[in-house]
């Protein structure tokens, strides 16, 4: 498992509004696109991202403000 790659994807989801909305609407397509662009995740990592509650990715900007960046 690549903790670094998971961290990068999490950071992108928390800081990129367009990506976050795309992920909330269609997580599988969004992860496939990220994989195509070189953000390689294992099948288990992809499964964990898909199973997350999509609302979670929107909490950071509301609750943490600039600290999430």
N, C-alpha and C. Protein backbone atom coordinates (compact mmCIF):
# COMPACT_ATOMS: atom_id res chain seq x y z
N UNK A 1 0.85 -1.18 0.00
CA UNK A 1 0.00 0.00 0.00
C UNK A 1 0.89 1.24 0.00
N UNK A 2 0.56 2.18 -0.83
CA UNK A 2 1.33 3.40 -0.91
C UNK A 2 0.66 4.50 -0.08
N UNK A 3 1.16 4.64 1.14
CA UNK A 3 0.59 5.68 2.02
C UNK A 3 0.76 7.06 1.40
N UNK A 4 1.85 7.25 0.71
CA UNK A 4 2.10 8.56 0.09
C UNK A 4 1.04 8.86 -0.97
N UNK A 5 0.71 7.88 -1.82
CA UNK A 5 -0.28 8.11 -2.87
C UNK A 5 -1.66 8.32 -2.27
N UNK A 6 -2.01 7.56 -1.25
CA UNK A 6 -3.29 7.76 -0.57
C UNK A 6 -3.35 9.17 0.01
N UNK A 7 -2.27 9.61 0.61
CA UNK A 7 -2.21 10.95 1.17
C UNK A 7 -2.37 12.02 0.11
N UNK A 8 -1.77 11.80 -1.05
CA UNK A 8 -1.88 12.77 -2.14
C UNK A 8 -3.33 12.86 -2.63
N UNK A 9 -3.98 11.70 -2.79
CA UNK A 9 -5.37 11.70 -3.24
C UNK A 9 -6.27 12.37 -2.20
N UNK A 10 -6.06 12.08 -0.93
CA UNK A 10 -6.83 12.72 0.13
C UNK A 10 -6.63 14.23 0.08
N UNK A 11 -5.39 14.66 -0.03
CA UNK A 11 -5.10 16.10 -0.11
C UNK A 11 -5.83 16.73 -1.29
N UNK A 12 -5.80 16.07 -2.43
CA UNK A 12 -6.48 16.60 -3.62
C UNK A 12 -7.99 16.70 -3.38
N UNK A 13 -8.57 15.68 -2.75
CA UNK A 13 -10.01 15.71 -2.49
C UNK A 13 -10.38 16.82 -1.51
N UNK A 14 -9.50 17.11 -0.59
CA UNK A 14 -9.78 18.15 0.40
C UNK A 14 -9.54 19.56 -0.12
N UNK A 15 -8.71 19.70 -1.14
CA UNK A 15 -8.33 21.04 -1.59
C UNK A 15 -8.82 21.41 -2.98
N UNK A 16 -9.27 20.46 -3.77
CA UNK A 16 -9.72 20.72 -5.14
C UNK A 16 -11.24 20.59 -5.20
N UNK A 17 -11.91 21.73 -5.24
CA UNK A 17 -13.38 21.74 -5.21
C UNK A 17 -13.99 20.94 -6.36
N UNK A 18 -13.48 21.12 -7.57
CA UNK A 18 -14.03 20.42 -8.73
C UNK A 18 -13.86 18.90 -8.60
N UNK A 19 -12.68 18.48 -8.18
CA UNK A 19 -12.43 17.06 -7.99
C UNK A 19 -13.34 16.48 -6.92
N UNK A 20 -13.53 17.22 -5.85
CA UNK A 20 -14.37 16.75 -4.74
C UNK A 20 -15.82 16.56 -5.20
N UNK A 21 -16.33 17.48 -5.99
CA UNK A 21 -17.69 17.36 -6.49
C UNK A 21 -17.79 16.18 -7.46
N UNK A 22 -16.82 16.05 -8.36
CA UNK A 22 -16.80 14.91 -9.29
C UNK A 22 -16.79 13.60 -8.52
N UNK A 23 -15.97 13.54 -7.48
CA UNK A 23 -15.87 12.32 -6.67
C UNK A 23 -17.19 12.02 -5.97
N UNK A 24 -17.86 13.04 -5.46
CA UNK A 24 -19.14 12.84 -4.78
C UNK A 24 -20.20 12.31 -5.74
N UNK A 25 -20.17 12.77 -6.98
CA UNK A 25 -21.15 12.36 -7.97
C UNK A 25 -20.84 10.97 -8.53
N UNK A 26 -19.56 10.72 -8.83
CA UNK A 26 -19.17 9.44 -9.45
C UNK A 26 -17.77 9.04 -8.99
N UNK A 27 -17.67 8.43 -7.81
CA UNK A 27 -16.34 8.11 -7.28
C UNK A 27 -15.55 7.13 -8.14
N UNK A 28 -16.21 6.17 -8.76
CA UNK A 28 -15.49 5.19 -9.57
C UNK A 28 -14.86 5.85 -10.78
N UNK A 29 -15.61 6.65 -11.49
CA UNK A 29 -15.08 7.35 -12.66
C UNK A 29 -13.96 8.32 -12.26
N UNK A 30 -14.13 9.00 -11.15
CA UNK A 30 -13.11 9.95 -10.69
C UNK A 30 -11.82 9.22 -10.33
N UNK A 31 -11.92 8.11 -9.64
CA UNK A 31 -10.72 7.34 -9.29
C UNK A 31 -10.07 6.74 -10.53
N UNK A 32 -10.88 6.32 -11.50
CA UNK A 32 -10.32 5.81 -12.76
C UNK A 32 -9.55 6.90 -13.47
N UNK A 33 -10.08 8.10 -13.48
CA UNK A 33 -9.39 9.23 -14.11
C UNK A 33 -8.09 9.56 -13.37
N UNK A 34 -8.12 9.54 -12.06
CA UNK A 34 -6.90 9.78 -11.29
C UNK A 34 -5.86 8.70 -11.59
N UNK A 35 -6.30 7.46 -11.69
CA UNK A 35 -5.40 6.36 -12.02
C UNK A 35 -4.77 6.58 -13.39
N UNK A 36 -5.58 7.00 -14.34
CA UNK A 36 -5.09 7.28 -15.69
C UNK A 36 -4.03 8.37 -15.68
N UNK A 37 -4.18 9.34 -14.76
CA UNK A 37 -3.22 10.44 -14.65
C UNK A 37 -2.02 10.11 -13.77
N UNK A 38 -1.91 8.85 -13.33
CA UNK A 38 -0.73 8.43 -12.60
C UNK A 38 -0.87 8.30 -11.10
N UNK A 39 -2.07 8.51 -10.59
CA UNK A 39 -2.31 8.36 -9.15
C UNK A 39 -2.69 6.91 -8.89
N UNK A 40 -1.71 6.04 -8.87
CA UNK A 40 -1.95 4.60 -8.76
C UNK A 40 -2.34 4.21 -7.33
N UNK A 41 -3.50 3.60 -7.21
CA UNK A 41 -3.98 3.09 -5.94
C UNK A 41 -4.22 1.59 -6.08
N UNK A 42 -4.07 0.87 -5.00
CA UNK A 42 -4.34 -0.57 -5.01
C UNK A 42 -5.86 -0.78 -5.03
N UNK A 43 -6.29 -1.97 -5.41
CA UNK A 43 -7.74 -2.26 -5.36
C UNK A 43 -8.34 -2.04 -3.96
N UNK A 44 -7.60 -2.40 -2.91
CA UNK A 44 -8.11 -2.17 -1.55
C UNK A 44 -8.25 -0.69 -1.24
N UNK A 45 -7.28 0.10 -1.68
CA UNK A 45 -7.35 1.55 -1.44
C UNK A 45 -8.53 2.15 -2.19
N UNK A 46 -8.73 1.71 -3.43
CA UNK A 46 -9.87 2.20 -4.21
C UNK A 46 -11.17 1.85 -3.51
N UNK A 47 -11.26 0.63 -3.00
CA UNK A 47 -12.46 0.19 -2.29
C UNK A 47 -12.74 1.07 -1.08
N UNK A 48 -11.71 1.40 -0.34
CA UNK A 48 -11.89 2.25 0.84
C UNK A 48 -12.40 3.64 0.43
N UNK A 49 -11.81 4.21 -0.62
CA UNK A 49 -12.29 5.52 -1.08
C UNK A 49 -13.75 5.45 -1.51
N UNK A 50 -14.11 4.41 -2.25
CA UNK A 50 -15.48 4.28 -2.74
C UNK A 50 -16.47 4.11 -1.59
N UNK A 51 -16.06 3.43 -0.53
CA UNK A 51 -16.96 3.18 0.60
C UNK A 51 -17.09 4.37 1.56
N UNK A 52 -16.26 5.40 1.39
CA UNK A 52 -16.38 6.54 2.30
C UNK A 52 -17.68 7.29 2.05
N UNK A 53 -18.18 7.87 3.10
CA UNK A 53 -19.35 8.73 3.00
C UNK A 53 -18.92 10.00 2.26
N UNK A 54 -19.51 10.25 1.10
CA UNK A 54 -19.12 11.39 0.28
C UNK A 54 -19.20 12.73 0.98
N UNK A 55 -20.05 12.83 1.99
CA UNK A 55 -20.17 14.10 2.73
C UNK A 55 -18.90 14.42 3.51
N UNK A 56 -18.13 13.38 3.82
CA UNK A 56 -16.91 13.58 4.60
C UNK A 56 -15.95 14.55 3.92
N UNK A 57 -15.87 14.50 2.61
CA UNK A 57 -14.91 15.32 1.88
C UNK A 57 -15.29 16.80 1.89
N UNK A 58 -16.51 17.11 2.27
CA UNK A 58 -16.96 18.49 2.32
C UNK A 58 -16.86 19.09 3.72
N UNK A 59 -16.62 18.26 4.73
CA UNK A 59 -16.53 18.75 6.10
C UNK A 59 -15.31 19.63 6.32
N UNK A 60 -14.22 19.31 5.72
CA UNK A 60 -12.95 19.98 6.04
C UNK A 60 -13.02 21.48 5.82
N UNK A 61 -13.56 21.92 4.68
CA UNK A 61 -13.57 23.34 4.41
C UNK A 61 -14.50 24.08 5.37
N UNK A 62 -15.57 23.43 5.80
CA UNK A 62 -16.51 24.06 6.71
C UNK A 62 -15.98 24.08 8.14
N UNK A 63 -15.37 22.98 8.57
CA UNK A 63 -14.96 22.86 9.96
C UNK A 63 -13.52 23.30 10.21
N UNK A 64 -12.63 23.05 9.25
CA UNK A 64 -11.22 23.33 9.48
C UNK A 64 -10.74 24.64 8.85
N UNK A 65 -11.48 25.15 7.90
CA UNK A 65 -11.05 26.37 7.24
C UNK A 65 -9.74 26.16 6.52
N UNK A 66 -8.83 27.07 6.65
CA UNK A 66 -7.53 27.02 5.95
C UNK A 66 -6.61 25.96 6.51
N UNK A 67 -6.88 25.41 7.66
CA UNK A 67 -5.97 24.40 8.25
C UNK A 67 -5.92 23.13 7.43
N UNK A 68 -6.91 22.87 6.57
CA UNK A 68 -6.91 21.65 5.75
C UNK A 68 -5.94 21.77 4.60
N UNK A 69 -5.47 22.94 4.30
CA UNK A 69 -4.59 23.15 3.14
C UNK A 69 -3.21 23.03 3.59
